[in-house]
């Protein structure tokens, strides 16, 4: 069983972690069952966030009475010290615990530092002194902020999108984190659902011994896929390498990762799904993307104000209004039977 140590935190876990964002979409009973099954098969690192509606509550329920057997990471999106303490107290209550193993700033637009006038980093240090948190981390989608966090020496872990669609700059960030003794947690290892071959995704990330992938799990069959790789890890052979190469040709470049940081849209467009629909519909069973409900969501694109708010908030610098327009055109052609 492969293990990974998160930099200088000393946290050593199986090279499989449970991403608890998707469990907000299922019942508490089902979520608790999946979380406990993951633990029974050796997964001990669970990542959630204050922003993930009731995810923390479900994680807390799953591990009540066995808190010391798992590592729980959560996040705050607070922009000032007051919000930080409010989020931390709420997270502790929801998780039914008196400490958090890894507390992370959730995709801030800047790298919080001491004396930056926000009071955020000072609050982190105080919480650690009080024993409310054990390690300090940061998550981000922006290379500039990520590099600044690594170089600052202030953080023990970095959570950043990393998959086999990674650019050379992303790979360099992984190596930079290693040299800094900083744990690297890979989110979006399936690129928000665009990567459909989990074996290829797993085998690619297995090359990086300092990277801990967190797999977003909502269904038992998804969990079972990754559990079966524990004792029988897929190897990066010729077949899987060919899958990766083909996906890179199709997906590398300017495509929506589905992170959702462009939201909300003033007119209610579901940007994080609609801006990548033409890719999704070709890589996943199309029936789910052609329902009346999805057609209505895509039609909302006609109401786009071109206000530029989504474009300004995109951490990847994408022209989201242009992507929406392109995806809507492709979608209409598919509906008309011109393209499949």
Protein backbone atom coordinates (compact mmCIF):
# COMPACT_ATOMS: atom_id res chain seq x y z
CA UNK A 1 0.00 0.00 0.00
CA UNK A 2 1.54 3.30 -1.12
CA UNK A 3 1.74 6.08 1.45
CA UNK A 4 2.56 9.77 1.30
CA UNK A 5 3.77 12.21 3.96
CA UNK A 6 2.45 15.76 3.76
CA UNK A 7 5.70 17.66 4.00
CA UNK A 8 6.73 18.83 7.42
CA UNK A 9 3.30 18.14 8.97
CA UNK A 10 4.40 14.56 9.53
CA UNK A 11 0.93 13.41 8.49
CA UNK A 12 1.46 10.07 6.73
CA UNK A 13 -1.54 8.47 5.05
CA UNK A 14 -2.50 6.09 2.29
CA UNK A 15 -1.99 7.70 -1.14
CA UNK A 16 -5.75 8.03 -1.47
CA UNK A 17 -7.81 10.73 0.23
CA UNK A 18 -11.56 11.33 0.36
CA UNK A 19 -12.83 14.60 -1.11
CA UNK A 20 -16.06 15.38 0.70
CA UNK A 21 -17.45 18.11 -1.55
CA UNK A 22 -19.80 15.74 -3.47
CA UNK A 23 -21.39 14.20 -0.36
CA UNK A 24 -23.37 17.40 0.16
CA UNK A 25 -25.56 16.10 -2.69
CA UNK A 26 -26.57 12.85 -0.97
CA UNK A 27 -28.41 11.96 2.25
CA UNK A 28 -26.66 11.99 5.59
CA UNK A 29 -27.23 8.25 5.97
CA UNK A 30 -25.61 7.47 2.62
CA UNK A 31 -22.75 9.92 3.17
CA UNK A 32 -21.93 8.46 6.58
CA UNK A 33 -21.96 4.95 5.11
CA UNK A 34 -19.53 5.93 2.34
CA UNK A 35 -17.20 7.77 4.72
CA UNK A 36 -17.05 4.82 7.09
CA UNK A 37 -16.50 2.35 4.25
CA UNK A 38 -13.59 4.46 3.03
CA UNK A 39 -12.08 4.33 6.51
CA UNK A 40 -12.62 0.57 6.81
CA UNK A 41 -10.56 0.11 3.64
CA UNK A 42 -7.68 2.25 4.86
CA UNK A 43 -8.47 5.83 3.84
CA UNK A 44 -7.77 8.13 6.78
CA UNK A 45 -7.57 11.63 5.24
CA UNK A 46 -10.86 13.44 4.66
CA UNK A 47 -11.08 16.90 3.10
CA UNK A 48 -14.12 19.16 3.45
CA UNK A 49 -14.88 22.90 3.77
CA UNK A 50 -17.18 25.36 5.48
CA UNK A 51 -18.52 26.29 2.03
CA UNK A 52 -19.64 22.71 1.31
CA UNK A 53 -23.08 23.16 2.93
CA UNK A 54 -23.66 20.12 5.20
CA UNK A 55 -20.50 18.19 4.27
CA UNK A 56 -18.77 18.96 7.58
CA UNK A 57 -21.82 17.79 9.51
CA UNK A 58 -21.78 14.46 7.66
CA UNK A 59 -18.04 13.97 8.22
CA UNK A 60 -18.50 14.74 11.91
CA UNK A 61 -21.30 12.22 12.23
CA UNK A 62 -19.28 9.51 10.46
CA UNK A 63 -16.30 9.72 12.79
CA UNK A 64 -17.95 10.51 16.09
CA UNK A 65 -16.29 8.41 18.77
CA UNK A 66 -13.25 7.61 16.62
CA UNK A 67 -11.89 11.08 15.95
CA UNK A 68 -8.27 10.21 16.71
CA UNK A 69 -8.23 7.54 14.00
CA UNK A 70 -8.64 9.96 11.06
CA UNK A 71 -7.20 13.20 9.75
CA UNK A 72 -9.77 15.88 8.96
CA UNK A 73 -8.97 18.88 6.78
CA UNK A 74 -11.39 21.73 6.31
CA UNK A 75 -11.29 25.30 5.02
CA UNK A 76 -12.37 28.86 5.68
CA UNK A 77 -13.22 31.42 3.04
CA UNK A 78 -13.17 34.24 5.58
CA UNK A 79 -11.76 37.60 4.50
CA UNK A 80 -11.08 38.97 7.99
CA UNK A 81 -10.29 37.72 11.51
CA UNK A 82 -13.89 38.00 12.71
CA UNK A 83 -15.09 35.76 9.90
CA UNK A 84 -12.20 33.37 10.53
CA UNK A 85 -13.19 32.74 14.15
CA UNK A 86 -16.84 32.41 13.20
CA UNK A 87 -16.01 29.81 10.54
CA UNK A 88 -13.65 27.91 12.83
CA UNK A 89 -16.16 27.67 15.67
CA UNK A 90 -18.87 26.53 13.25
CA UNK A 91 -16.59 23.90 11.69
CA UNK A 92 -15.63 22.50 15.10
CA UNK A 93 -19.29 22.27 16.03
CA UNK A 94 -20.33 20.62 12.76
CA UNK A 95 -17.41 18.18 12.86
CA UNK A 96 -18.15 17.38 16.53
CA UNK A 97 -14.49 17.77 17.48
CA UNK A 98 -12.28 20.10 19.47
CA UNK A 99 -9.48 20.26 16.89
CA UNK A 100 -8.91 20.23 13.13
CA UNK A 101 -5.85 18.47 11.77
CA UNK A 102 -5.38 20.79 8.79
CA UNK A 103 -7.10 24.17 8.51
CA UNK A 104 -6.79 25.83 5.11
CA UNK A 105 -7.51 29.24 3.63
CA UNK A 106 -10.01 28.47 0.88
CA UNK A 107 -8.83 29.85 -2.48
CA UNK A 108 -8.04 33.41 -1.38
CA UNK A 109 -7.30 35.95 -4.11
CA UNK A 110 -4.07 36.79 -2.26
CA UNK A 111 -1.63 34.98 0.01
CA UNK A 112 -2.49 35.83 3.66
CA UNK A 113 0.58 36.90 5.60
CA UNK A 114 1.32 38.49 8.97
CA UNK A 115 0.63 42.23 9.13
CA UNK A 116 -1.22 42.34 5.80
CA UNK A 117 -4.08 44.22 7.53
CA UNK A 118 -6.59 41.33 7.30
CA UNK A 119 -5.57 39.63 10.54
CA UNK A 120 -6.17 36.24 8.89
CA UNK A 121 -2.74 34.71 9.34
CA UNK A 122 -2.46 36.00 12.90
CA UNK A 123 -5.81 34.30 13.61
CA UNK A 124 -4.45 31.04 12.16
CA UNK A 125 -1.43 31.22 14.48
CA UNK A 126 -3.61 31.96 17.49
CA UNK A 127 -5.89 29.03 16.68
CA UNK A 128 -2.85 26.78 16.44
CA UNK A 129 -1.50 28.04 19.75
CA UNK A 130 -4.86 27.22 21.34
CA UNK A 131 -4.79 23.70 19.93
CA UNK A 132 -7.91 24.30 17.84
CA UNK A 133 -5.96 23.46 14.68
CA UNK A 134 -2.78 21.46 14.24
CA UNK A 135 -1.49 22.48 10.82
CA UNK A 136 -1.89 25.48 8.52
CA UNK A 137 -2.59 25.14 4.81
CA UNK A 138 -3.86 27.05 1.81
CA UNK A 139 -5.82 26.06 -1.30
CA UNK A 140 -5.76 27.91 -4.59
CA UNK A 141 -6.40 27.86 -8.32
CA UNK A 142 -3.99 30.69 -9.13
CA UNK A 143 -0.36 29.89 -9.87
CA UNK A 144 0.81 33.29 -8.68
CA UNK A 145 -0.79 32.90 -5.25
CA UNK A 146 0.35 29.28 -5.01
CA UNK A 147 3.98 30.20 -5.72
CA UNK A 148 3.81 33.02 -3.20
CA UNK A 149 2.45 30.64 -0.57
CA UNK A 150 5.21 28.11 -1.18
CA UNK A 151 7.91 30.76 -1.13
CA UNK A 152 6.60 32.42 2.02
CA UNK A 153 7.43 29.49 4.31
CA UNK A 154 4.22 30.23 6.20
CA UNK A 155 2.23 27.20 5.09
CA UNK A 156 2.61 23.50 5.72
CA UNK A 157 0.45 22.35 2.81
CA UNK A 158 -0.76 23.57 -0.56
CA UNK A 159 -3.90 22.23 -2.22
CA UNK A 160 -3.91 22.90 -5.95
CA UNK A 161 -5.49 21.37 -9.11
CA UNK A 162 -3.23 18.62 -10.43
CA UNK A 163 -3.97 15.87 -12.92
CA UNK A 164 -2.51 14.43 -16.09
CA UNK A 165 -3.73 17.56 -17.86
CA UNK A 166 -1.20 19.54 -15.83
CA UNK A 167 1.02 22.04 -17.59
CA UNK A 168 4.79 22.24 -17.14
CA UNK A 169 4.17 25.17 -14.79
CA UNK A 170 1.91 23.01 -12.60
CA UNK A 171 4.51 20.24 -12.47
CA UNK A 172 7.17 22.78 -11.50
CA UNK A 173 4.92 23.89 -8.62
CA UNK A 174 4.80 20.32 -7.32
CA UNK A 175 8.59 20.15 -7.34
CA UNK A 176 8.87 23.57 -5.72
CA UNK A 177 6.59 22.37 -2.92
CA UNK A 178 8.75 19.30 -2.40
CA UNK A 179 11.91 21.38 -2.09
CA UNK A 180 10.19 23.67 0.42
CA UNK A 181 9.13 20.71 2.58
CA UNK A 182 5.50 21.58 1.92
CA UNK A 183 2.79 18.97 1.54
CA UNK A 184 1.02 18.96 -1.85
CA UNK A 185 -2.64 17.95 -2.01
CA UNK A 186 -3.97 17.38 -5.52
CA UNK A 187 -7.55 18.51 -6.09
CA UNK A 188 -9.40 18.15 -9.40
CA UNK A 189 -7.46 14.96 -10.12
CA UNK A 190 -10.26 14.02 -12.55
CA UNK A 191 -10.43 17.61 -13.85
CA UNK A 192 -13.99 18.12 -12.67
CA UNK A 193 -15.28 15.02 -14.48
CA UNK A 194 -13.58 15.59 -17.83
CA UNK A 195 -11.13 12.78 -17.10
CA UNK A 196 -13.14 9.57 -17.26
CA UNK A 197 -10.37 6.98 -16.90
CA UNK A 198 -9.67 6.75 -13.17
CA UNK A 199 -6.93 4.16 -13.66
CA UNK A 200 -4.98 6.55 -15.87
CA UNK A 201 -5.53 9.38 -13.40
CA UNK A 202 -4.36 7.22 -10.50
CA UNK A 203 -1.31 5.87 -12.33
CA UNK A 204 -0.21 9.35 -13.41
CA UNK A 205 -0.34 10.79 -9.89
CA UNK A 206 1.41 7.72 -8.46
CA UNK A 207 4.60 9.01 -10.11
CA UNK A 208 4.74 11.89 -7.61
CA UNK A 209 5.62 10.52 -4.19
CA UNK A 210 4.97 13.87 -2.46
CA UNK A 211 1.44 14.31 -3.85
CA UNK A 212 -1.74 13.26 -2.03
CA UNK A 213 -4.72 13.03 -4.42
CA UNK A 214 -8.20 13.71 -3.02
CA UNK A 215 -10.91 11.94 -4.97
CA UNK A 216 -14.34 13.53 -4.90
CA UNK A 217 -16.78 10.76 -4.01
CA UNK A 218 -20.57 10.78 -4.28
CA UNK A 219 -21.47 7.20 -5.27
CA UNK A 220 -20.35 3.88 -3.87
CA UNK A 221 -19.16 2.66 -7.27
CA UNK A 222 -16.84 5.70 -7.46
CA UNK A 223 -15.39 4.87 -4.05
CA UNK A 224 -15.01 1.20 -5.02
CA UNK A 225 -12.95 2.17 -8.07
CA UNK A 226 -10.32 3.86 -5.94
CA UNK A 227 -10.44 1.27 -3.17
CA UNK A 228 -9.62 -1.49 -5.64
CA UNK A 229 -6.45 0.38 -6.61
CA UNK A 230 -5.06 0.18 -3.07
CA UNK A 231 -3.84 -3.40 -3.40
CA UNK A 232 -3.76 -3.49 -7.21
CA UNK A 233 -2.51 -0.05 -8.31
CA UNK A 234 -2.68 0.56 -12.07
CA UNK A 235 0.67 0.98 -13.76
CA UNK A 236 1.45 3.72 -16.25
CA UNK A 237 1.79 1.29 -19.14
CA UNK A 238 1.54 1.82 -22.88
CA UNK A 239 -2.27 1.58 -22.87
CA UNK A 240 -2.83 4.15 -20.12
CA UNK A 241 -0.15 6.43 -21.55
CA UNK A 242 -2.06 6.43 -24.84
CA UNK A 243 -5.26 7.41 -23.00
CA UNK A 244 -3.44 10.29 -21.35
CA UNK A 245 -1.91 11.46 -24.60
CA UNK A 246 -5.28 11.47 -26.37
CA UNK A 247 -6.95 13.37 -23.52
CA UNK A 248 -4.18 15.94 -23.55
CA UNK A 249 -4.77 16.54 -27.24
CA UNK A 250 -8.50 17.00 -26.68
CA UNK A 251 -8.50 18.92 -23.42
CA UNK A 252 -5.30 20.89 -22.93
CA UNK A 253 -5.65 24.63 -23.35
CA UNK A 254 -8.49 27.00 -22.62
CA UNK A 255 -11.28 24.91 -21.15
CA UNK A 256 -13.46 25.41 -18.10
CA UNK A 257 -12.31 23.30 -15.12
CA UNK A 258 -15.70 23.65 -13.41
CA UNK A 259 -14.29 25.13 -10.18
CA UNK A 260 -17.28 27.49 -9.81
CA UNK A 261 -15.37 30.54 -8.60
CA UNK A 262 -17.02 32.57 -11.37
CA UNK A 263 -20.38 32.10 -9.67
CA UNK A 264 -22.95 33.37 -8.97
CA UNK A 265 -24.11 34.74 -12.31
CA UNK A 266 -26.37 37.84 -12.11
CA UNK A 267 -28.93 36.19 -14.42
CA UNK A 268 -28.59 32.68 -12.99
CA UNK A 269 -26.49 30.96 -15.67
CA UNK A 270 -24.87 27.79 -14.27
CA UNK A 271 -21.51 28.84 -15.69
CA UNK A 272 -19.37 26.07 -14.19
CA UNK A 273 -21.36 23.42 -16.08
CA UNK A 274 -22.56 25.31 -19.14
CA UNK A 275 -19.12 26.64 -20.09
CA UNK A 276 -17.77 23.13 -20.62
CA UNK A 277 -20.87 21.39 -21.93
CA UNK A 278 -19.48 20.64 -25.41
CA UNK A 279 -16.63 18.67 -23.78
CA UNK A 280 -18.81 16.93 -21.22
CA UNK A 281 -21.39 15.80 -23.75
CA UNK A 282 -18.73 14.08 -25.83
CA UNK A 283 -16.99 12.41 -22.89
CA UNK A 284 -19.93 11.25 -20.79
CA UNK A 285 -23.26 9.56 -21.59
CA UNK A 286 -25.07 12.27 -23.54
CA UNK A 287 -28.57 11.46 -22.28
CA UNK A 288 -27.85 13.13 -18.95
CA UNK A 289 -26.83 16.31 -20.75
CA UNK A 290 -29.82 16.45 -23.09
CA UNK A 291 -32.66 16.45 -20.58
CA UNK A 292 -35.27 19.21 -20.59
CA UNK A 293 -33.77 20.53 -17.37
CA UNK A 294 -30.30 20.80 -18.91
CA UNK A 295 -31.71 22.35 -22.09
CA UNK A 296 -33.33 25.05 -19.96
CA UNK A 297 -30.03 25.70 -18.19
CA UNK A 298 -28.20 26.06 -21.48
CA UNK A 299 -30.89 28.36 -22.88
CA UNK A 300 -30.17 30.77 -19.99
CA UNK A 301 -26.96 31.62 -21.85
CA UNK A 302 -29.12 33.72 -24.19
CA UNK A 303 -29.66 36.08 -21.22
CA UNK A 304 -25.94 36.71 -20.68
CA UNK A 305 -25.37 40.39 -19.86
CA UNK A 306 -21.71 40.30 -20.91
CA UNK A 307 -21.05 42.14 -17.66
CA UNK A 308 -17.62 40.53 -17.37
CA UNK A 309 -18.00 39.55 -13.70
CA UNK A 310 -17.41 35.85 -14.37
CA UNK A 311 -14.39 36.60 -16.55
CA UNK A 312 -12.89 38.83 -13.87
CA UNK A 313 -13.26 36.10 -11.20
CA UNK A 314 -11.94 33.17 -13.28
CA UNK A 315 -8.67 31.99 -11.66
CA UNK A 316 -7.55 30.62 -15.04
CA UNK A 317 -8.10 33.91 -16.91
CA UNK A 318 -10.65 32.40 -19.28
CA UNK A 319 -13.00 34.45 -21.44
CA UNK A 320 -16.06 32.78 -19.92
CA UNK A 321 -18.71 34.72 -21.91
CA UNK A 322 -17.02 33.55 -25.12
CA UNK A 323 -16.85 29.98 -23.80
CA UNK A 324 -20.54 30.08 -22.91
CA UNK A 325 -21.43 31.30 -26.39
CA UNK A 326 -19.32 28.59 -28.05
CA UNK A 327 -20.74 25.83 -25.85
CA UNK A 328 -24.30 26.97 -26.46
CA UNK A 329 -23.76 26.92 -30.22
CA UNK A 330 -22.29 23.40 -30.05
CA UNK A 331 -25.10 22.25 -27.79
CA UNK A 332 -27.79 23.52 -30.15
CA UNK A 333 -26.11 21.74 -33.05
CA UNK A 334 -26.08 18.51 -31.06
CA UNK A 335 -29.76 18.91 -30.23
CA UNK A 336 -30.50 19.47 -33.89
CA UNK A 337 -28.74 16.24 -34.73
CA UNK A 338 -26.02 17.91 -36.74
CA UNK A 339 -23.21 16.75 -34.44
CA UNK A 340 -22.83 13.76 -32.15
